PDB file of all heavy atoms in Angstrom:
ATOM      1  N   SER A   1      17.430 -26.475  -5.084  1.00  0.00           N
ATOM      2  CA  SER A   1      16.329 -26.919  -4.302  1.00  0.00           C
ATOM      3  C   SER A   1      16.776 -27.585  -3.043  1.00  0.00           C
ATOM      4  O   SER A   1      16.152 -27.479  -1.928  1.00  0.00           O
ATOM      5  CB  SER A   1      15.528 -28.017  -5.103  1.00  0.00           C
ATOM      6  OG  SER A   1      15.004 -27.454  -6.353  1.00  0.00           O
ATOM      7  N   ALA A   2      17.910 -28.154  -2.992  1.00  0.00           N
ATOM      8  CA  ALA A   2      18.415 -28.706  -1.704  1.00  0.00           C
ATOM      9  C   ALA A   2      18.700 -27.693  -0.750  1.00  0.00           C
ATOM     10  O   ALA A   2      18.388 -27.899   0.472  1.00  0.00           O
ATOM     11  CB  ALA A   2      19.729 -29.442  -1.999  1.00  0.00           C
ATOM     12  N   GLN A   3      19.266 -26.556  -1.179  1.00  0.00           N
ATOM     13  CA  GLN A   3      19.491 -25.437  -0.213  1.00  0.00           C
ATOM     14  C   GLN A   3      18.194 -24.879   0.326  1.00  0.00           C
ATOM     15  O   GLN A   3      18.047 -24.613   1.557  1.00  0.00           O
ATOM     16  CB  GLN A   3      20.128 -24.320  -0.869  1.00  0.00           C
ATOM     17  CG  GLN A   3      21.792 -24.614  -1.255  1.00  0.00           C
ATOM     18  CD  GLN A   3      22.277 -23.624  -2.142  1.00  0.00           C
ATOM     19  OE1 GLN A   3      21.621 -22.663  -2.788  1.00  0.00           O
ATOM     20  NE2 GLN A   3      23.555 -23.597  -2.328  1.00  0.00           N
ATOM     21  N   ARG A   4      17.194 -24.794  -0.562  1.00  0.00           N
ATOM     22  CA  ARG A   4      15.824 -24.314  -0.177  1.00  0.00           C
ATOM     23  C   ARG A   4      15.221 -25.211   0.881  1.00  0.00           C
ATOM     24  O   ARG A   4      14.679 -24.773   1.874  1.00  0.00           O
ATOM     25  CB  ARG A   4      14.935 -24.238  -1.372  1.00  0.00           C
ATOM     26  CG  ARG A   4      13.590 -23.770  -1.014  1.00  0.00           C
ATOM     27  CD  ARG A   4      12.634 -23.925  -2.177  1.00  0.00           C
ATOM     28  NE  ARG A   4      12.723 -25.486  -2.476  1.00  0.00           N
ATOM     29  CZ  ARG A   4      12.074 -25.871  -3.699  1.00  0.00           C
ATOM     30  NH1 ARG A   4      11.614 -25.185  -4.504  1.00  0.00           N
ATOM     31  NH2 ARG A   4      12.128 -27.217  -3.995  1.00  0.00           N
ATOM     32  N   ASP A   5      15.180 -26.452   0.612  1.00  0.00           N
ATOM     33  CA  ASP A   5      14.678 -27.478   1.559  1.00  0.00           C
ATOM     34  C   ASP A   5      15.338 -27.480   2.904  1.00  0.00           C
ATOM     35  O   ASP A   5      14.609 -27.655   3.826  1.00  0.00           O
ATOM     36  CB  ASP A   5      14.617 -28.921   0.958  1.00  0.00           C
ATOM     37  CG  ASP A   5      14.063 -28.913  -0.380  1.00  0.00           C
ATOM     38  OD1 ASP A   5      13.103 -28.092  -0.574  1.00  0.00           O
ATOM     39  OD2 ASP A   5      14.128 -29.904  -1.195  1.00  0.00           O
ATOM     40  N   PHE A   6      16.652 -27.457   2.935  1.00  0.00           N
ATOM     41  CA  PHE A   6      17.329 -27.404   4.181  1.00  0.00           C
ATOM     42  C   PHE A   6      16.919 -26.194   5.037  1.00  0.00           C
ATOM     43  O   PHE A   6      16.600 -26.266   6.187  1.00  0.00           O
ATOM     44  CB  PHE A   6      18.854 -27.354   3.973  1.00  0.00           C
ATOM     45  CG  PHE A   6      19.595 -27.209   5.186  1.00  0.00           C
ATOM     46  CD1 PHE A   6      19.875 -28.257   6.103  1.00  0.00           C
ATOM     47  CD2 PHE A   6      20.128 -26.016   5.595  1.00  0.00           C
ATOM     48  CE1 PHE A   6      20.573 -28.158   7.276  1.00  0.00           C
ATOM     49  CE2 PHE A   6      20.824 -25.863   6.777  1.00  0.00           C
ATOM     50  CZ  PHE A   6      21.119 -26.861   7.645  1.00  0.00           C
ATOM     51  N   LEU A   7      16.944 -25.091   4.351  1.00  0.00           N
ATOM     52  CA  LEU A   7      16.561 -23.770   5.078  1.00  0.00           C
ATOM     53  C   LEU A   7      15.074 -23.899   5.489  1.00  0.00           C
ATOM     54  O   LEU A   7      14.792 -23.431   6.694  1.00  0.00           O
ATOM     55  CB  LEU A   7      16.783 -22.628   4.077  1.00  0.00           C
ATOM     56  CG  LEU A   7      18.246 -22.202   3.835  1.00  0.00           C
ATOM     57  CD1 LEU A   7      18.337 -21.305   2.538  1.00  0.00           C
ATOM     58  CD2 LEU A   7      18.962 -21.661   5.050  1.00  0.00           C
ATOM     59  N   SER A   8      14.234 -24.424   4.686  1.00  0.00           N
ATOM     60  CA  SER A   8      12.837 -24.636   5.200  1.00  0.00           C
ATOM     61  C   SER A   8      12.725 -25.562   6.418  1.00  0.00           C
ATOM     62  O   SER A   8      11.967 -25.283   7.374  1.00  0.00           O
ATOM     63  CB  SER A   8      12.015 -25.174   4.065  1.00  0.00           C
ATOM     64  OG  SER A   8      10.636 -25.324   4.455  1.00  0.00           O
ATOM     65  N   ASP A   9      13.472 -26.619   6.402  1.00  0.00           N
ATOM     66  CA  ASP A   9      13.509 -27.536   7.434  1.00  0.00           C
ATOM     67  C   ASP A   9      14.050 -27.008   8.844  1.00  0.00           C
ATOM     68  O   ASP A   9      13.439 -27.325   9.882  1.00  0.00           O
ATOM     69  CB  ASP A   9      14.266 -28.880   7.152  1.00  0.00           C
ATOM     70  CG  ASP A   9      13.700 -29.609   6.080  1.00  0.00           C
ATOM     71  OD1 ASP A   9      12.470 -29.454   5.801  1.00  0.00           O
ATOM     72  OD2 ASP A   9      14.406 -30.444   5.454  1.00  0.00           O
ATOM     73  N   ILE A  10      14.914 -25.981   8.759  1.00  0.00           N
ATOM     74  CA  ILE A  10      15.435 -25.539  10.086  1.00  0.00           C
ATOM     75  C   ILE A  10      14.719 -24.239  10.534  1.00  0.00           C
ATOM     76  O   ILE A  10      15.140 -23.733  11.486  1.00  0.00           O
ATOM     77  CB  ILE A  10      16.877 -25.240   9.893  1.00  0.00           C
ATOM     78  CG1 ILE A  10      17.178 -24.193   8.920  1.00  0.00           C
ATOM     79  CG2 ILE A  10      17.744 -26.408   9.555  1.00  0.00           C
ATOM     80  CD1 ILE A  10      18.725 -23.659   8.902  1.00  0.00           C
ATOM     81  N   GLY A  11      13.652 -23.900   9.757  1.00  0.00           N
ATOM     82  CA  GLY A  11      12.902 -22.700  10.252  1.00  0.00           C
ATOM     83  C   GLY A  11      13.210 -21.355   9.637  1.00  0.00           C
ATOM     84  O   GLY A  11      12.691 -20.475  10.202  1.00  0.00           O
ATOM     85  N   CYS A  12      13.902 -21.352   8.584  1.00  0.00           N
ATOM     86  CA  CYS A  12      14.340 -20.096   7.928  1.00  0.00           C
ATOM     87  C   CYS A  12      13.027 -19.561   7.457  1.00  0.00           C
ATOM     88  O   CYS A  12      12.077 -20.156   6.913  1.00  0.00           O
ATOM     89  CB  CYS A  12      15.364 -20.192   6.924  1.00  0.00           C
ATOM     90  SG  CYS A  12      15.981 -18.682   6.173  1.00  0.00           S
ATOM     91  N   ASP A  13      12.774 -18.204   7.498  1.00  0.00           N
ATOM     92  CA  ASP A  13      11.499 -17.561   7.072  1.00  0.00           C
ATOM     93  C   ASP A  13      11.374 -17.369   5.577  1.00  0.00           C
ATOM     94  O   ASP A  13      10.337 -17.672   5.014  1.00  0.00           O
ATOM     95  CB  ASP A  13      11.163 -16.253   7.858  1.00  0.00           C
ATOM     96  CG  ASP A  13      11.220 -16.352   9.287  1.00  0.00           C
ATOM     97  OD1 ASP A  13      10.316 -17.166   9.823  1.00  0.00           O
ATOM     98  OD2 ASP A  13      12.040 -15.791  10.025  1.00  0.00           O
ATOM     99  N   ALA A  14      12.393 -16.897   5.021  1.00  0.00           N
ATOM    100  CA  ALA A  14      12.360 -16.576   3.654  1.00  0.00           C
ATOM    101  C   ALA A  14      13.648 -16.661   2.957  1.00  0.00           C
ATOM    102  O   ALA A  14      14.739 -16.754   3.494  1.00  0.00           O
ATOM    103  CB  ALA A  14      11.804 -15.054   3.441  1.00  0.00           C
ATOM    104  N   ILE A  15      13.535 -16.682   1.450  1.00  0.00           N
ATOM    105  CA  ILE A  15      14.817 -16.802   0.760  1.00  0.00           C
ATOM    106  C   ILE A  15      14.804 -15.814  -0.452  1.00  0.00           C
ATOM    107  O   ILE A  15      13.664 -15.402  -0.906  1.00  0.00           O
ATOM    108  CB  ILE A  15      15.101 -18.249   0.234  1.00  0.00           C
ATOM    109  CG1 ILE A  15      13.945 -18.755  -0.564  1.00  0.00           C
ATOM    110  CG2 ILE A  15      15.371 -19.243   1.442  1.00  0.00           C
ATOM    111  CD1 ILE A  15      14.184 -20.126  -1.175  1.00  0.00           C
ATOM    112  N   GLN A  16      15.909 -15.620  -0.994  1.00  0.00           N
ATOM    113  CA  GLN A  16      15.974 -15.000  -2.284  1.00  0.00           C
ATOM    114  C   GLN A  16      17.260 -15.496  -2.971  1.00  0.00           C
ATOM    115  O   GLN A  16      18.129 -15.869  -2.364  1.00  0.00           O
ATOM    116  CB  GLN A  16      16.081 -13.586  -2.208  1.00  0.00           C
ATOM    117  CG  GLN A  16      17.342 -12.869  -1.657  1.00  0.00           C
ATOM    118  CD  GLN A  16      17.146 -11.311  -1.463  1.00  0.00           C
ATOM    119  OE1 GLN A  16      16.596 -10.818  -0.603  1.00  0.00           O
ATOM    120  NE2 GLN A  16      17.688 -10.694  -2.514  1.00  0.00           N
ATOM    121  N   GLY A  17      17.216 -15.571  -4.196  1.00  0.00           N
ATOM    122  CA  GLY A  17      18.384 -16.071  -5.062  1.00  0.00           C
ATOM    123  C   GLY A  17      17.932 -16.560  -6.459  1.00  0.00           C
ATOM    124  O   GLY A  17      16.710 -16.476  -6.772  1.00  0.00           O
ATOM    125  N   TYR A  18      18.943 -17.040  -7.240  1.00  0.00           N
ATOM    126  CA  TYR A  18      18.613 -17.393  -8.551  1.00  0.00           C
ATOM    127  C   TYR A  18      17.561 -18.552  -8.668  1.00  0.00           C
ATOM    128  O   TYR A  18      17.053 -18.852  -9.734  1.00  0.00           O
ATOM    129  CB  TYR A  18      19.910 -17.816  -9.135  1.00  0.00           C
ATOM    130  CG  TYR A  18      20.855 -16.544  -9.536  1.00  0.00           C
ATOM    131  CD1 TYR A  18      22.097 -16.808 -10.167  1.00  0.00           C
ATOM    132  CD2 TYR A  18      20.462 -15.304  -9.252  1.00  0.00           C
ATOM    133  CE1 TYR A  18      22.879 -15.682 -10.352  1.00  0.00           C
ATOM    134  CE2 TYR A  18      21.232 -14.193  -9.531  1.00  0.00           C
ATOM    135  CZ  TYR A  18      22.486 -14.420 -10.073  1.00  0.00           C
ATOM    136  OH  TYR A  18      23.281 -13.414 -10.279  1.00  0.00           O
ATOM    137  N   LEU A  19      17.477 -19.390  -7.614  1.00  0.00           N
ATOM    138  CA  LEU A  19      16.518 -20.518  -7.626  1.00  0.00           C
ATOM    139  C   LEU A  19      15.146 -19.853  -7.964  1.00  0.00           C
ATOM    140  O   LEU A  19      14.313 -20.530  -8.740  1.00  0.00           O
ATOM    141  CB  LEU A  19      16.454 -21.316  -6.364  1.00  0.00           C
ATOM    142  CG  LEU A  19      15.504 -22.442  -6.248  1.00  0.00           C
ATOM    143  CD1 LEU A  19      15.682 -23.463  -7.192  1.00  0.00           C
ATOM    144  CD2 LEU A  19      15.309 -22.822  -4.789  1.00  0.00           C
ATOM    145  N   ILE A  20      14.871 -18.790  -7.531  1.00  0.00           N
ATOM    146  CA  ILE A  20      13.493 -18.109  -7.727  1.00  0.00           C
ATOM    147  C   ILE A  20      13.636 -17.212  -8.944  1.00  0.00           C
ATOM    148  O   ILE A  20      12.884 -17.502  -9.915  1.00  0.00           O
ATOM    149  CB  ILE A  20      13.110 -17.242  -6.497  1.00  0.00           C
ATOM    150  CG1 ILE A  20      13.071 -18.015  -5.189  1.00  0.00           C
ATOM    151  CG2 ILE A  20      11.730 -16.590  -6.709  1.00  0.00           C
ATOM    152  CD1 ILE A  20      13.110 -17.122  -3.946  1.00  0.00           C
ATOM    153  N   ALA A  21      14.543 -16.271  -8.929  1.00  0.00           N
ATOM    154  CA  ALA A  21      14.692 -15.413 -10.173  1.00  0.00           C
ATOM    155  C   ALA A  21      15.870 -14.523 -10.004  1.00  0.00           C
ATOM    156  O   ALA A  21      16.254 -14.265  -8.711  1.00  0.00           O
ATOM    157  CB  ALA A  21      13.531 -14.613 -10.364  1.00  0.00           C
ATOM    158  N   ARG A  22      16.426 -14.212 -10.992  1.00  0.00           N
ATOM    159  CA  ARG A  22      17.503 -13.168 -10.977  1.00  0.00           C
ATOM    160  C   ARG A  22      16.802 -11.766 -10.843  1.00  0.00           C
ATOM    161  O   ARG A  22      15.541 -11.700 -10.875  1.00  0.00           O
ATOM    162  CB  ARG A  22      18.398 -13.060 -12.251  1.00  0.00           C
ATOM    163  CG  ARG A  22      19.109 -14.370 -12.600  1.00  0.00           C
ATOM    164  CD  ARG A  22      19.727 -14.221 -13.867  1.00  0.00           C
ATOM    165  NE  ARG A  22      20.425 -15.470 -14.200  1.00  0.00           N
ATOM    166  CZ  ARG A  22      21.663 -15.808 -14.013  1.00  0.00           C
ATOM    167  NH1 ARG A  22      22.436 -14.635 -13.615  1.00  0.00           N
ATOM    168  NH2 ARG A  22      22.258 -16.865 -14.316  1.00  0.00           N
ATOM    169  N   PRO A  23      17.484 -10.717 -10.418  1.00  0.00           N
ATOM    170  CA  PRO A  23      16.739  -9.461 -10.372  1.00  0.00           C
ATOM    171  C   PRO A  23      16.191  -9.096 -11.707  1.00  0.00           C
ATOM    172  O   PRO A  23      16.786  -9.287 -12.784  1.00  0.00           O
ATOM    173  CB  PRO A  23      17.977  -8.529 -10.090  1.00  0.00           C
ATOM    174  CG  PRO A  23      18.982  -9.257  -9.310  1.00  0.00           C
ATOM    175  CD  PRO A  23      18.914 -10.725 -10.008  1.00  0.00           C
ATOM    176  N   LEU A  24      14.916  -8.486 -11.705  1.00  0.00           N
ATOM    177  CA  LEU A  24      14.166  -8.327 -12.864  1.00  0.00           C
ATOM    178  C   LEU A  24      13.794  -7.000 -13.016  1.00  0.00           C
ATOM    179  O   LEU A  24      13.482  -6.230 -12.042  1.00  0.00           O
ATOM    180  CB  LEU A  24      12.967  -9.259 -12.747  1.00  0.00           C
ATOM    181  CG  LEU A  24      13.147 -10.805 -12.574  1.00  0.00           C
ATOM    182  CD1 LEU A  24      11.806 -11.428 -12.407  1.00  0.00           C
ATOM    183  CD2 LEU A  24      13.760 -11.394 -13.958  1.00  0.00           C
ATOM    184  N   PRO A  25      13.592  -6.481 -14.257  1.00  0.00           N
ATOM    185  CA  PRO A  25      12.909  -5.161 -14.370  1.00  0.00           C
ATOM    186  C   PRO A  25      11.424  -5.224 -13.728  1.00  0.00           C
ATOM    187  O   PRO A  25      10.838  -6.297 -13.647  1.00  0.00           O
ATOM    188  CB  PRO A  25      12.836  -5.010 -16.025  1.00  0.00           C
ATOM    189  CG  PRO A  25      13.930  -6.010 -16.469  1.00  0.00           C
ATOM    190  CD  PRO A  25      13.919  -7.143 -15.570  1.00  0.00           C
ATOM    191  N   GLY A  26      10.936  -4.004 -13.513  1.00  0.00           N
ATOM    192  CA  GLY A  26       9.769  -3.929 -12.900  1.00  0.00           C
ATOM    193  C   GLY A  26       8.511  -4.662 -13.451  1.00  0.00           C
ATOM    194  O   GLY A  26       7.865  -5.325 -12.689  1.00  0.00           O
ATOM    195  N   ASP A  27       8.308  -4.664 -14.854  1.00  0.00           N
ATOM    196  CA  ASP A  27       7.214  -5.372 -15.418  1.00  0.00           C
ATOM    197  C   ASP A  27       7.365  -6.926 -15.309  1.00  0.00           C
ATOM    198  O   ASP A  27       6.384  -7.593 -15.075  1.00  0.00           O
ATOM    199  CB  ASP A  27       7.074  -4.891 -16.870  1.00  0.00           C
ATOM    200  CG  ASP A  27       8.358  -5.121 -17.833  1.00  0.00           C
ATOM    201  OD1 ASP A  27       9.455  -5.349 -17.121  1.00  0.00           O
ATOM    202  OD2 ASP A  27       8.188  -5.032 -18.966  1.00  0.00           O
ATOM    203  N   GLN A  28       8.595  -7.403 -15.471  1.00  0.00           N
ATOM    204  CA  GLN A  28       8.923  -8.879 -15.399  1.00  0.00           C
ATOM    205  C   GLN A  28       8.672  -9.328 -13.960  1.00  0.00           C
ATOM    206  O   GLN A  28       8.116 -10.367 -13.689  1.00  0.00           O
ATOM    207  CB  GLN A  28      10.193  -9.212 -15.926  1.00  0.00           C
ATOM    208  CG  GLN A  28      10.466  -8.985 -17.316  1.00  0.00           C
ATOM    209  CD  GLN A  28      11.816  -9.559 -17.950  1.00  0.00           C
ATOM    210  OE1 GLN A  28      12.212 -10.484 -17.383  1.00  0.00           O
ATOM    211  NE2 GLN A  28      12.204  -8.957 -19.010  1.00  0.00           N
ATOM    212  N   PHE A  29       9.063  -8.505 -12.969  1.00  0.00           N
ATOM    213  CA  PHE A  29       8.890  -8.893 -11.653  1.00  0.00           C
ATOM    214  C   PHE A  29       7.437  -8.950 -11.322  1.00  0.00           C
ATOM    215  O   PHE A  29       6.943  -9.815 -10.721  1.00  0.00           O
ATOM    216  CB  PHE A  29       9.518  -7.886 -10.619  1.00  0.00           C
ATOM    217  CG  PHE A  29       9.205  -8.046  -9.223  1.00  0.00           C
ATOM    218  CD1 PHE A  29       9.946  -9.021  -8.407  1.00  0.00           C
ATOM    219  CD2 PHE A  29       8.102  -7.541  -8.619  1.00  0.00           C
ATOM    220  CE1 PHE A  29       9.654  -9.335  -7.143  1.00  0.00           C
ATOM    221  CE2 PHE A  29       7.829  -7.757  -7.210  1.00  0.00           C
ATOM    222  CZ  PHE A  29       8.604  -8.698  -6.580  1.00  0.00           C
ATOM    223  N   GLU A  30       6.637  -8.046 -11.791  1.00  0.00           N
ATOM    224  CA  GLU A  30       5.131  -7.984 -11.680  1.00  0.00           C
ATOM    225  C   GLU A  30       4.620  -9.277 -12.170  1.00  0.00           C
ATOM    226  O   GLU A  30       3.685  -9.988 -11.459  1.00  0.00           O
ATOM    227  CB  GLU A  30       4.605  -6.869 -12.196  1.00  0.00           C
ATOM    228  CG  GLU A  30       3.053  -6.565 -12.069  1.00  0.00           C
ATOM    229  CD  GLU A  30       2.533  -5.354 -12.744  1.00  0.00           C
ATOM    230  OE1 GLU A  30       3.241  -4.967 -13.604  1.00  0.00           O
ATOM    231  OE2 GLU A  30       1.587  -4.819 -12.276  1.00  0.00           O
ATOM    232  N   THR A  31       4.981  -9.670 -13.438  1.00  0.00           N
ATOM    233  CA  THR A  31       4.336 -10.893 -13.999  1.00  0.00           C
ATOM    234  C   THR A  31       4.706 -12.131 -13.028  1.00  0.00           C
ATOM    235  O   THR A  31       3.943 -13.053 -12.898  1.00  0.00           O
ATOM    236  CB  THR A  31       4.963 -11.019 -15.426  1.00  0.00           C
ATOM    237  OG1 THR A  31       4.512 -10.021 -16.142  1.00  0.00           O
ATOM    238  CG2 THR A  31       4.440 -12.331 -16.070  1.00  0.00           C
ATOM    239  N   LEU A  32       6.026 -12.183 -12.617  1.00  0.00           N
ATOM    240  CA  LEU A  32       6.470 -13.290 -11.778  1.00  0.00           C
ATOM    241  C   LEU A  32       5.704 -13.425 -10.414  1.00  0.00           C
ATOM    242  O   LEU A  32       5.159 -14.520 -10.159  1.00  0.00           O
ATOM    243  CB  LEU A  32       7.932 -13.163 -11.427  1.00  0.00           C
ATOM    244  CG  LEU A  32       8.491 -14.237 -10.505  1.00  0.00           C
ATOM    245  CD1 LEU A  32       8.505 -15.582 -11.177  1.00  0.00           C
ATOM    246  CD2 LEU A  32       9.844 -13.783 -10.059  1.00  0.00           C
ATOM    247  N   ALA A  33       5.556 -12.287  -9.807  1.00  0.00           N
ATOM    248  CA  ALA A  33       4.934 -12.226  -8.533  1.00  0.00           C
ATOM    249  C   ALA A  33       3.434 -12.680  -8.657  1.00  0.00           C
ATOM    250  O   ALA A  33       2.846 -13.376  -7.870  1.00  0.00           O
ATOM    251  CB  ALA A  33       5.034 -10.878  -8.014  1.00  0.00           C
ATOM    252  N   LEU A  34       2.707 -12.074  -9.696  1.00  0.00           N
ATOM    253  CA  LEU A  34       1.282 -12.420  -9.907  1.00  0.00           C
ATOM    254  C   LEU A  34       1.082 -13.897 -10.252  1.00  0.00           C
ATOM    255  O   LEU A  34       0.001 -14.513  -9.884  1.00  0.00           O
ATOM    256  CB  LEU A  34       0.734 -11.526 -10.896  1.00  0.00           C
ATOM    257  CG  LEU A  34       0.568 -10.036 -10.608  1.00  0.00           C
ATOM    258  CD1 LEU A  34       0.185  -9.192 -11.794  1.00  0.00           C
ATOM    259  CD2 LEU A  34      -0.424  -9.850  -9.422  1.00  0.00           C
ATOM    260  N   GLY A  35       2.036 -14.470 -11.022  1.00  0.00           N
ATOM    261  CA  GLY A  35       1.858 -15.807 -11.544  1.00  0.00           C
ATOM    262  C   GLY A  35       2.489 -16.917 -10.558  1.00  0.00           C
ATOM    263  O   GLY A  35       2.248 -18.104 -10.879  1.00  0.00           O
ATOM    264  N   TRP A  36       3.083 -16.453  -9.539  1.00  0.00           N
ATOM    265  CA  TRP A  36       3.690 -17.408  -8.608  1.00  0.00           C
ATOM    266  C   TRP A  36       2.717 -18.338  -8.005  1.00  0.00           C
ATOM    267  O   TRP A  36       1.646 -17.792  -7.360  1.00  0.00           O
ATOM    268  CB  TRP A  36       4.622 -16.717  -7.634  1.00  0.00           C
ATOM    269  CG  TRP A  36       5.398 -17.832  -6.866  1.00  0.00           C
ATOM    270  CD1 TRP A  36       5.093 -18.376  -5.690  1.00  0.00           C
ATOM    271  CD2 TRP A  36       6.671 -18.157  -7.146  1.00  0.00           C
ATOM    272  NE1 TRP A  36       6.113 -19.265  -5.177  1.00  0.00           N
ATOM    273  CE2 TRP A  36       7.093 -19.273  -6.159  1.00  0.00           C
ATOM    274  CE3 TRP A  36       7.532 -18.198  -8.242  1.00  0.00           C
ATOM    275  CZ2 TRP A  36       8.338 -19.862  -6.368  1.00  0.00           C
ATOM    276  CZ3 TRP A  36       8.719 -18.772  -8.261  1.00  0.00           C
ATOM    277  CH2 TRP A  36       9.114 -19.726  -7.301  1.00  0.00           C
ATOM    278  N   GLY A  37       2.908 -19.590  -7.907  1.00  0.00           N
ATOM    279  CA  GLY A  37       1.967 -20.590  -7.305  1.00  0.00           C
ATOM    280  C   GLY A  37       1.137 -21.351  -8.291  1.00  0.00           C
ATOM    281  O   GLY A  37       0.648 -22.447  -7.945  1.00  0.00           O
ATOM    282  N   ALA A  38       0.965 -20.851  -9.568  1.00  0.00           N
ATOM    283  CA  ALA A  38       0.101 -21.520 -10.490  1.00  0.00           C
ATOM    284  C   ALA A  38       0.944 -22.713 -11.071  1.00  0.00           C
ATOM    285  O   ALA A  38       0.260 -23.731 -11.272  1.00  0.00           O
ATOM    286  CB  ALA A  38      -0.273 -20.588 -11.657  1.00  0.00           C
ATOM    287  N   ALA A  39       2.244 -22.541 -11.101  1.00  0.00           N
ATOM    288  CA  ALA A  39       2.999 -23.725 -11.563  1.00  0.00           C
ATOM    289  C   ALA A  39       4.310 -23.397 -11.039  1.00  0.00           C
ATOM    290  O   ALA A  39       4.794 -22.209 -10.805  1.00  0.00           O
ATOM    291  CB  ALA A  39       2.981 -23.812 -13.053  1.00  0.00           C
ATOM    292  N   PRO A  40       5.335 -24.371 -10.926  1.00  0.00           N
ATOM    293  CA  PRO A  40       6.689 -24.095 -10.551  1.00  0.00           C
ATOM    294  C   PRO A  40       7.325 -23.226 -11.618  1.00  0.00           C
ATOM    295  O   PRO A  40       7.115 -23.272 -12.775  1.00  0.00           O
ATOM    296  CB  PRO A  40       7.299 -25.517 -10.686  1.00  0.00           C
ATOM    297  CG  PRO A  40       6.160 -26.429 -10.463  1.00  0.00           C
ATOM    298  CD  PRO A  40       4.964 -25.831 -11.102  1.00  0.00           C
TER     299      PRO A  40
END
């Protein structure tokens, strides 16, 4: 989270990494993307 916060503060547009998720099979990625924002 510290890395994410620093990047957000300096104006970085986007991130990817294990903080969000590891690479996922197609169906699991779909579930993650649709449910993102409802809860951490």
